[in-house]
PDB file of N, CA and C in Angstrom:
ATOM      1  N   UNK A   1      11.933   5.413   0.074  1.00  0.00           N
ATOM      2  CA  UNK A   1      11.250   3.915  -0.222  1.00  0.00           C
ATOM      3  C   UNK A   1      12.050   3.504  -1.168  1.00  0.00           C
ATOM      4  N   UNK A   2      12.173   2.288  -1.506  1.00  0.00           N
ATOM      5  CA  UNK A   2      12.764   1.805  -2.762  1.00  0.00           C
ATOM      6  C   UNK A   2      11.592   1.453  -3.875  1.00  0.00           C
ATOM      7  N   UNK A   3      12.205   1.971  -5.012  1.00  0.00           N
ATOM      8  CA  UNK A   3      10.786   0.916  -6.204  1.00  0.00           C
ATOM      9  C   UNK A   3      10.481  -0.544  -5.733  1.00  0.00           C
ATOM     10  N   UNK A   4      11.118  -1.622  -5.113  1.00  0.00           N
ATOM     11  CA  UNK A   4      11.050  -2.611  -5.064  1.00  0.00           C
ATOM     12  C   UNK A   4       9.905  -2.969  -3.811  1.00  0.00           C
ATOM     13  N   UNK A   5      10.380  -2.326  -3.126  1.00  0.00           N
ATOM     14  CA  UNK A   5       9.270  -1.842  -1.421  1.00  0.00           C
ATOM     15  C   UNK A   5       7.389  -1.140  -2.971  1.00  0.00           C
ATOM     16  N   UNK A   6       7.635  -0.258  -3.588  1.00  0.00           N
ATOM     17  CA  UNK A   6       6.976   0.651  -3.243  1.00  0.00           C
ATOM     18  C   UNK A   6       6.033  -0.841  -4.237  1.00  0.00           C
ATOM     19  N   UNK A   7       5.534  -1.434  -5.030  1.00  0.00           N
ATOM     20  CA  UNK A   7       4.550  -2.258  -6.040  1.00  0.00           C
ATOM     21  C   UNK A   7       4.533  -3.225  -5.041  1.00  0.00           C
ATOM     22  N   UNK A   8       4.685  -3.999  -3.847  1.00  0.00           N
ATOM     23  CA  UNK A   8       4.727  -4.842  -2.189  1.00  0.00           C
ATOM     24  C   UNK A   8       3.575  -4.300  -2.133  1.00  0.00           C
ATOM     25  N   UNK A   9       4.271  -2.721  -1.280  1.00  0.00           N
ATOM     26  CA  UNK A   9       2.438  -1.830  -0.956  1.00  0.00           C
ATOM     27  C   UNK A   9       1.148  -1.765  -1.636  1.00  0.00           C
ATOM     28  N   UNK A  10       2.333  -1.167  -2.996  1.00  0.00           N
ATOM     29  CA  UNK A  10       0.692  -0.870  -4.026  1.00  0.00           C
ATOM     30  C   UNK A  10      -0.221  -2.750  -3.437  1.00  0.00           C
ATOM     31  N   UNK A  11       0.907  -3.406  -4.210  1.00  0.00           N
ATOM     32  CA  UNK A  11      -0.375  -5.300  -3.809  1.00  0.00           C
ATOM     33  C   UNK A  11      -0.905  -4.913  -2.342  1.00  0.00           C
ATOM     34  N   UNK A  12      -0.212  -4.929  -1.639  1.00  0.00           N
ATOM     35  CA  UNK A  12      -1.635  -4.432  -0.918  1.00  0.00           C
ATOM     36  C   UNK A  12      -2.587  -3.836  -0.332  1.00  0.00           C
ATOM     37  N   UNK A  13      -2.227  -2.435  -1.099  1.00  0.00           N
ATOM     38  CA  UNK A  13      -3.242  -1.643  -0.875  1.00  0.00           C
ATOM     39  C   UNK A  13      -4.464  -3.105  -1.717  1.00  0.00           C
ATOM     40  N   UNK A  14      -3.933  -2.695  -2.449  1.00  0.00           N
ATOM     41  CA  UNK A  14      -5.346  -3.657  -4.286  1.00  0.00           C
ATOM     42  C   UNK A  14      -6.199  -5.644  -2.978  1.00  0.00           C
ATOM     43  N   UNK A  15      -5.870  -5.342  -2.300  1.00  0.00           N
ATOM     44  CA  UNK A  15      -6.147  -6.881  -1.414  1.00  0.00           C
ATOM     45  C   UNK A  15      -6.623  -5.928  -0.463  1.00  0.00           C
ATOM     46  N   UNK A  16      -5.895  -5.512   0.403  1.00  0.00           N
ATOM     47  CA  UNK A  16      -7.148  -4.381   1.511  1.00  0.00           C
ATOM     48  C   UNK A  16      -8.246  -4.920   0.586  1.00  0.00           C
ATOM     49  N   UNK A  17      -8.470  -3.286   0.047  1.00  0.00           N
ATOM     50  CA  UNK A  17     -10.422  -2.919  -0.676  1.00  0.00           C
ATOM     51  C   UNK A  17     -10.239  -1.734   0.684  1.00  0.00           C
ATOM     52  N   UNK A  18     -10.920  -2.468   1.963  1.00  0.00           N
ATOM     53  CA  UNK A  18     -11.889  -1.680   2.043  1.00  0.00           C
ATOM     54  C   UNK A  18     -10.810  -0.617   2.941  1.00  0.00           C
ATOM     55  N   UNK A  19      -9.414  -1.510   3.522  1.00  0.00           N
ATOM     56  CA  UNK A  19      -8.230  -0.591   3.857  1.00  0.00           C
ATOM     57  C   UNK A  19      -7.189   0.363   3.697  1.00  0.00           C
ATOM     58  N   UNK A  20      -8.083   0.365   2.092  1.00  0.00           N
ATOM     59  CA  UNK A  20      -6.991   1.317   1.224  1.00  0.00           C
ATOM     60  C   UNK A  20      -7.000   2.395   1.995  1.00  0.00           C
ATOM     61  N   UNK A  21      -7.618   3.214   2.769  1.00  0.00           N
ATOM     62  CA  UNK A  21      -7.324   4.486   3.247  1.00  0.00           C
ATOM     63  C   UNK A  21      -5.897   4.218   4.183  1.00  0.00           C
ATOM     64  N   UNK A  22      -6.010   3.225   5.193  1.00  0.00           N
ATOM     65  CA  UNK A  22      -5.960   3.049   6.042  1.00  0.00           C
ATOM     66  C   UNK A  22      -4.047   2.562   5.591  1.00  0.00           C
ATOM     67  N   UNK A  23      -3.669   1.912   4.338  1.00  0.00           N
ATOM     68  CA  UNK A  23      -2.391   1.323   4.480  1.00  0.00           C
ATOM     69  C   UNK A  23      -2.043   3.070   3.112  1.00  0.00           C
ATOM     70  N   UNK A  24      -2.825   3.821   3.019  1.00  0.00           N
ATOM     71  CA  UNK A  24      -2.032   4.444   2.004  1.00  0.00           C
ATOM     72  C   UNK A  24      -1.387   5.838   4.202  1.00  0.00           C
ATOM     73  N   UNK A  25      -2.708   5.576   4.019  1.00  0.00           N
ATOM     74  CA  UNK A  25      -1.292   6.329   5.565  1.00  0.00           C
ATOM     75  C   UNK A  25      -0.400   6.351   6.173  1.00  0.00           C
ATOM     76  N   UNK A  26      -0.359   4.093   6.005  1.00  0.00           N
ATOM     77  CA  UNK A  26       0.648   4.052   6.772  1.00  0.00           C
ATOM     78  C   UNK A  26       2.009   4.223   5.637  1.00  0.00           C
ATOM     79  N   UNK A  27       2.036   4.250   4.188  1.00  0.00           N
ATOM     80  CA  UNK A  27       2.313   4.892   3.010  1.00  0.00           C
ATOM     81  C   UNK A  27       2.863   5.793   3.756  1.00  0.00           C
ATOM     82  N   UNK A  28       2.097   6.832   4.231  1.00  0.00           N
ATOM     83  CA  UNK A  28       2.961   8.558   4.349  1.00  0.00           C
ATOM     84  C   UNK A  28       3.237   8.127   5.902  1.00  0.00           C
TER      85      UNK A  28
END
């Protein structure tokens, strides 16, 4: 993944909060 995409996904994870695990699974 590009470094530009990573911060976006991280911000998305922080925004989700409850769906953090789900977002991490998507990252993997």
